[in-house]
Amino acid sequence: MIDKKLDALRERLRQLESVVVCYSGGLDSGFTLAVAHEQLGHHAVGLTAAGPALAPRERDDAIAFARQIGADHEMVDAGEIGVADYVANGPDRCFHCKSALYVAAERYRQQRGFRHVINGTNLDDLGDYRPGLEAAKRANIVSPLVDVGFTKSEVREAARLLGLRLWDKPAAACLASRIPYGTAVTSKRLSQIAGFEAELRDLGFRVVRVRHHDTIARIEVGEDELAAMADPTTRQRVHDAGKRYGFSYVTLDLGAYRVGSHNEVLDGRRLRTVT
């Protein structure tokens, strides 16, 4: 089954002839870049938006993976931090961020003579509230994983089959997704989140989100990692790290990590109001 889908993906990418891959360094876009490079060689390039919402560790890993597979790779500043609607951080923040990325990618495509801009969206991404999908639609971005019917689990399986080291990499949404809707996205807040999350990973936590609530850090870790937070030494080190990054209170979300937890405050696509 997975072999047939891989063959279909390879054929789809050959049909596109030359592509700019919007590449964050995560599993989906990394897998897409790897197969595009396999099929198209120098007619495929990964393009990474290296703004403040990309954690330094993720940026470095994106560079290292592209180098490992031999793919062409470029970094650009999409300038989203200068977009007022992105900074305002409404429920449509992702639309404005992705729109800035796709403008930069389209500019790059035209300058370098590539035929298409593509992304790593898979079928499972079509479920949760993701305004970035609308940005992709408006920008005529091609989603080859969707075209041939890849789910997230199938992307992992195929990446493992190809021997790609990121096959089991946890999801890593941009840092702005850690800031509640209505709280401005600033370089300072993004830096706080990036630094604190890096220290938590150094402590051995694989699935980590630091949700920024002004003076409060609400930490989400994988359900199987919750118990590790109860260790007195670990708890103290986590607390001290949070203080170093400017948080007055460091809390643990007992609900554990879940995709889009900030979306839980939405009523449809709007913020819930209390009367």
Protein backbone atom coordinates (compact mmCIF):
# COMPACT_ATOMS: atom_id res chain seq x y z
CA MET A 1 0.00 0.00 0.00
CA ILE A 2 2.64 2.52 1.05
CA ASP A 3 4.84 1.57 -1.92
CA LYS A 4 2.00 2.40 -4.29
CA LYS A 5 1.46 5.78 -2.67
CA LEU A 6 5.18 6.52 -2.82
CA ASP A 7 5.18 5.69 -6.51
CA ALA A 8 2.16 7.96 -7.01
CA LEU A 9 3.94 10.78 -5.18
CA ARG A 10 7.05 10.33 -7.30
CA GLU A 11 4.94 10.46 -10.45
CA ARG A 12 3.10 13.57 -9.23
CA LEU A 13 6.39 15.36 -8.53
CA ARG A 14 7.77 14.41 -11.94
CA GLN A 15 4.65 15.92 -13.49
CA LEU A 16 5.41 19.23 -11.73
CA GLU A 17 8.88 19.29 -13.37
CA SER A 18 10.48 21.85 -11.03
CA VAL A 19 9.40 22.94 -7.56
CA VAL A 20 10.09 25.28 -4.67
CA VAL A 21 9.25 23.31 -1.52
CA CYS A 22 8.05 25.37 1.45
CA TYR A 23 10.23 23.56 3.96
CA SER A 24 10.08 24.11 7.73
CA GLY A 25 12.31 21.18 8.68
CA GLY A 26 9.39 19.16 10.02
CA LEU A 27 8.38 15.67 8.98
CA ASP A 28 5.87 16.51 6.25
CA SER A 29 7.83 19.18 4.42
CA GLY A 30 11.10 17.31 4.98
CA PHE A 31 9.64 14.15 3.47
CA THR A 32 8.25 16.15 0.55
CA LEU A 33 11.64 17.78 -0.05
CA ALA A 34 13.43 14.42 0.12
CA VAL A 35 11.19 12.79 -2.50
CA ALA A 36 11.23 15.93 -4.67
CA HIS A 37 15.04 15.94 -4.57
CA GLU A 38 15.12 12.20 -5.34
CA GLN A 39 12.99 12.73 -8.45
CA LEU A 40 13.97 16.20 -9.65
CA GLY A 41 17.50 16.81 -8.34
CA HIS A 42 18.46 20.47 -8.74
CA HIS A 43 15.00 21.19 -10.15
CA ALA A 44 13.77 21.03 -6.54
CA VAL A 45 14.79 23.45 -3.79
CA GLY A 46 13.71 23.74 -0.17
CA LEU A 47 12.82 27.25 0.98
CA THR A 48 12.73 27.96 4.72
CA ALA A 49 11.25 31.10 6.26
CA ALA A 50 13.79 31.92 8.96
CA GLY A 51 11.84 34.52 10.92
CA PRO A 52 11.67 34.78 14.73
CA ALA A 53 8.81 32.23 14.90
CA LEU A 54 11.17 29.46 13.78
CA ALA A 55 13.04 28.10 16.79
CA PRO A 56 16.83 28.26 16.34
CA ARG A 57 17.06 24.52 16.97
CA GLU A 58 14.48 23.86 14.24
CA ARG A 59 16.33 26.15 11.83
CA ASP A 60 19.60 24.34 12.44
CA ASP A 61 17.93 20.96 12.04
CA ALA A 62 16.32 22.04 8.76
CA ILE A 63 19.73 23.04 7.41
CA ALA A 64 21.32 19.80 8.59
CA PHE A 65 18.62 17.55 7.10
CA ALA A 66 18.70 19.26 3.71
CA ARG A 67 22.47 18.93 3.68
CA GLN A 68 22.24 15.27 4.69
CA ILE A 69 19.99 14.35 1.76
CA GLY A 70 21.91 16.58 -0.65
CA ALA A 71 19.00 18.88 -1.47
CA ASP A 72 19.35 22.49 -2.51
CA HIS A 73 18.17 24.72 0.32
CA GLU A 74 17.69 28.46 0.80
CA MET A 75 16.66 30.58 3.78
CA VAL A 76 14.47 33.69 3.37
CA ASP A 77 12.94 36.25 5.68
CA ALA A 78 9.24 36.33 4.80
CA GLY A 79 8.81 39.49 6.92
CA GLU A 80 5.71 38.28 8.77
CA ILE A 81 6.76 40.07 11.97
CA GLY A 82 6.17 43.33 10.08
CA VAL A 83 2.59 42.41 9.12
CA ALA A 84 0.14 44.12 11.47
CA ASP A 85 -2.56 41.46 11.17
CA TYR A 86 -0.04 38.74 12.02
CA VAL A 87 1.28 40.61 15.05
CA ALA A 88 -2.29 41.26 16.26
CA ASN A 89 -2.63 37.47 16.59
CA GLY A 90 -6.29 36.94 15.82
CA PRO A 91 -7.63 33.46 15.07
CA ASP A 92 -6.56 34.03 11.44
CA ARG A 93 -2.91 34.67 12.39
CA CYS A 94 -1.73 31.62 10.46
CA PHE A 95 -3.38 32.95 7.30
CA HIS A 96 -1.28 36.11 7.44
CA CYS A 97 1.91 34.22 8.28
CA LYS A 98 1.45 31.72 5.45
CA SER A 99 0.44 34.48 3.06
CA ALA A 100 3.76 36.24 3.73
CA LEU A 101 5.62 32.95 3.21
CA TYR A 102 3.86 32.22 -0.06
CA VAL A 103 4.53 35.73 -1.37
CA ALA A 104 8.23 35.21 -0.64
CA ALA A 105 8.15 31.73 -2.21
CA GLU A 106 6.38 32.98 -5.33
CA ARG A 107 8.91 35.77 -5.70
CA TYR A 108 11.71 33.23 -5.40
CA ARG A 109 10.00 30.93 -7.91
CA GLN A 110 9.72 33.68 -10.49
CA GLN A 111 13.28 34.88 -10.00
CA ARG A 112 14.76 31.38 -10.32
CA GLY A 113 12.47 30.03 -13.01
CA PHE A 114 10.79 27.18 -11.12
CA ARG A 115 7.35 26.03 -12.27
CA HIS A 116 5.52 25.50 -8.98
CA VAL A 117 5.52 26.24 -5.25
CA ILE A 118 4.52 23.21 -3.17
CA ASN A 119 4.01 22.43 0.52
CA GLY A 120 3.85 19.40 2.82
CA THR A 121 0.16 19.52 3.74
CA ASN A 122 -1.31 16.04 4.22
CA LEU A 123 -4.89 14.78 4.49
CA ASP A 124 -4.97 14.96 8.30
CA ASP A 125 -4.19 18.68 8.15
CA LEU A 126 -7.57 19.28 6.52
CA GLY A 127 -9.35 18.58 9.83
CA ASP A 128 -8.32 21.06 12.55
CA TYR A 129 -8.94 24.81 12.12
CA ARG A 130 -6.02 25.83 9.89
CA PRO A 131 -6.44 29.22 8.20
CA GLY A 132 -3.06 28.69 6.53
CA LEU A 133 -4.80 26.27 4.17
CA GLU A 134 -6.86 29.16 2.82
CA ALA A 135 -3.66 31.12 2.22
CA ALA A 136 -2.28 28.17 0.25
CA LYS A 137 -5.45 27.96 -1.82
CA ARG A 138 -5.39 31.66 -2.67
CA ALA A 139 -1.70 31.47 -3.62
CA ASN A 140 -2.24 28.42 -5.86
CA ILE A 141 0.17 26.30 -3.82
CA VAL A 142 0.33 22.63 -4.84
CA SER A 143 -0.03 20.00 -2.08
CA PRO A 144 1.29 16.76 -3.60
CA LEU A 145 0.76 14.72 -0.40
CA VAL A 146 -2.93 15.61 -0.49
CA ASP A 147 -3.09 14.98 -4.24
CA VAL A 148 -2.02 11.35 -3.80
CA GLY A 149 -3.79 10.77 -0.48
CA PHE A 150 -1.06 10.67 2.19
CA THR A 151 -2.15 10.77 5.84
CA LYS A 152 0.25 11.76 8.64
CA SER A 153 0.82 8.15 9.70
CA GLU A 154 1.55 7.19 6.10
CA VAL A 155 4.08 10.01 5.80
CA ARG A 156 5.85 8.60 8.86
CA GLU A 157 5.75 5.08 7.45
CA ALA A 158 7.08 6.18 4.07
CA ALA A 159 9.81 8.33 5.63
CA ARG A 160 10.91 5.35 7.73
CA LEU A 161 10.89 3.15 4.63
CA LEU A 162 13.17 5.65 2.87
CA GLY A 163 15.53 5.74 5.86
CA LEU A 164 14.92 9.41 6.62
CA ARG A 165 16.02 10.26 10.16
CA LEU A 166 13.05 12.55 10.75
CA TRP A 167 10.50 9.75 10.34
CA ASP A 168 9.69 9.83 14.08
CA LYS A 169 10.21 13.56 14.64
CA PRO A 170 7.44 15.07 16.81
CA ALA A 171 5.25 17.75 15.30
CA ALA A 172 6.71 21.23 15.77
CA ALA A 173 4.36 24.07 14.89
CA CYS A 174 5.76 27.60 14.70
CA LEU A 175 6.44 29.38 17.99
CA ALA A 176 3.65 31.89 17.42
CA SER A 177 1.15 29.06 17.94
CA ARG A 178 2.15 29.11 21.65
CA ILE A 179 0.76 32.62 22.16
CA PRO A 180 -2.99 32.94 22.92
CA TYR A 181 -5.17 34.65 20.35
CA GLY A 182 -5.41 38.37 21.04
CA THR A 183 -1.95 38.62 22.62
CA ALA A 184 0.51 40.33 20.29
CA VAL A 185 3.21 38.23 18.66
CA THR A 186 6.54 39.89 19.48
CA SER A 187 10.14 38.87 19.01
CA LYS A 188 10.64 38.98 22.79
CA ARG A 189 7.80 36.53 23.49
CA LEU A 190 8.97 34.20 20.71
CA SER A 191 12.49 34.27 22.13
CA GLN A 192 11.20 33.41 25.63
CA ILE A 193 9.30 30.42 24.28
CA ALA A 194 12.19 29.20 22.12
CA GLY A 195 14.71 29.36 24.94
CA PHE A 196 12.49 27.67 27.53
CA GLU A 197 11.46 24.89 25.13
CA ALA A 198 15.11 24.27 24.23
CA GLU A 199 15.96 23.76 27.91
CA LEU A 200 13.03 21.39 28.37
CA ARG A 201 14.25 19.30 25.45
CA ASP A 202 17.73 19.29 26.96
CA LEU A 203 16.10 17.74 30.04
CA GLY A 204 14.88 14.88 27.85
CA PHE A 205 11.32 15.90 26.99
CA ARG A 206 10.56 15.11 23.33
CA VAL A 207 7.06 16.55 22.91
CA VAL A 208 7.05 20.07 24.38
CA ARG A 209 4.97 23.23 24.11
CA VAL A 210 5.44 26.31 26.29
CA ARG A 211 2.15 28.20 26.07
CA HIS A 212 2.80 31.88 26.80
CA HIS A 213 0.21 33.52 29.09
CA ASP A 214 1.98 36.79 29.93
CA THR A 215 3.74 36.07 33.26
CA ILE A 216 2.60 32.43 33.24
CA ALA A 217 4.20 29.60 31.28
CA ARG A 218 1.77 26.71 30.74
CA ILE A 219 3.82 23.66 29.79
CA GLU A 220 2.41 20.83 27.72
CA VAL A 221 4.40 17.60 27.39
CA GLY A 222 3.51 14.21 25.94
CA GLU A 223 1.11 12.16 28.07
CA ASP A 224 3.79 9.55 28.64
CA GLU A 225 6.15 12.28 29.90
CA LEU A 226 3.87 13.82 32.53
CA ALA A 227 5.18 11.59 35.31
CA ALA A 228 8.76 12.75 34.68
CA MET A 229 7.73 16.25 35.73
CA ALA A 230 6.99 14.93 39.24
CA ASP A 231 10.64 14.13 39.87
CA PRO A 232 11.80 16.75 42.43
CA THR A 233 15.11 17.51 40.69
CA THR A 234 13.48 17.80 37.27
CA ARG A 235 10.65 19.94 38.64
CA GLN A 236 13.12 22.37 40.19
CA ARG A 237 15.19 22.60 37.00
CA VAL A 238 12.07 23.28 34.94
CA HIS A 239 10.96 25.94 37.40
CA ASP A 240 14.37 27.63 37.38
CA ALA A 241 14.52 27.60 33.58
CA GLY A 242 11.11 29.26 33.36
CA LYS A 243 12.27 31.98 35.73
CA ARG A 244 15.39 32.57 33.63
CA TYR A 245 13.21 33.21 30.62
CA GLY A 246 11.11 35.81 32.39
CA PHE A 247 8.06 33.89 33.62
CA SER A 248 6.78 34.59 37.14
CA TYR A 249 4.84 31.34 37.31
CA VAL A 250 5.66 27.98 35.72
CA THR A 251 2.72 25.56 35.43
CA LEU A 252 2.10 22.11 33.98
CA ASP A 253 -1.02 21.43 31.90
CA LEU A 254 -2.38 18.12 33.22
CA GLY A 255 -4.23 17.64 29.94
CA ALA A 256 -0.83 16.95 28.31
CA TYR A 257 0.08 17.99 24.78
CA ARG A 258 -2.70 18.12 22.20
CA VAL A 259 -2.78 19.67 18.75
CA GLY A 260 -4.16 23.21 18.63
CA SER A 261 -4.93 23.64 22.33
CA HIS A 262 -5.31 27.40 21.83
CA ASN A 263 -8.14 26.61 19.41
CA GLU A 264 -10.14 25.29 22.37
CA VAL A 265 -11.17 28.87 23.14
CA LEU A 266 -12.70 29.34 19.69
CA ASP A 267 -16.40 29.26 18.96
CA GLY A 268 -16.25 28.13 15.37
CA ARG A 269 -13.63 30.51 14.01
CA ARG A 270 -14.15 33.33 16.50
CA LEU A 271 -12.98 33.87 20.05
CA ARG A 272 -15.55 32.78 22.62
CA THR A 273 -16.96 35.67 24.59
CA VAL A 274 -18.23 35.61 28.16
CA THR A 275 -21.38 37.61 28.99
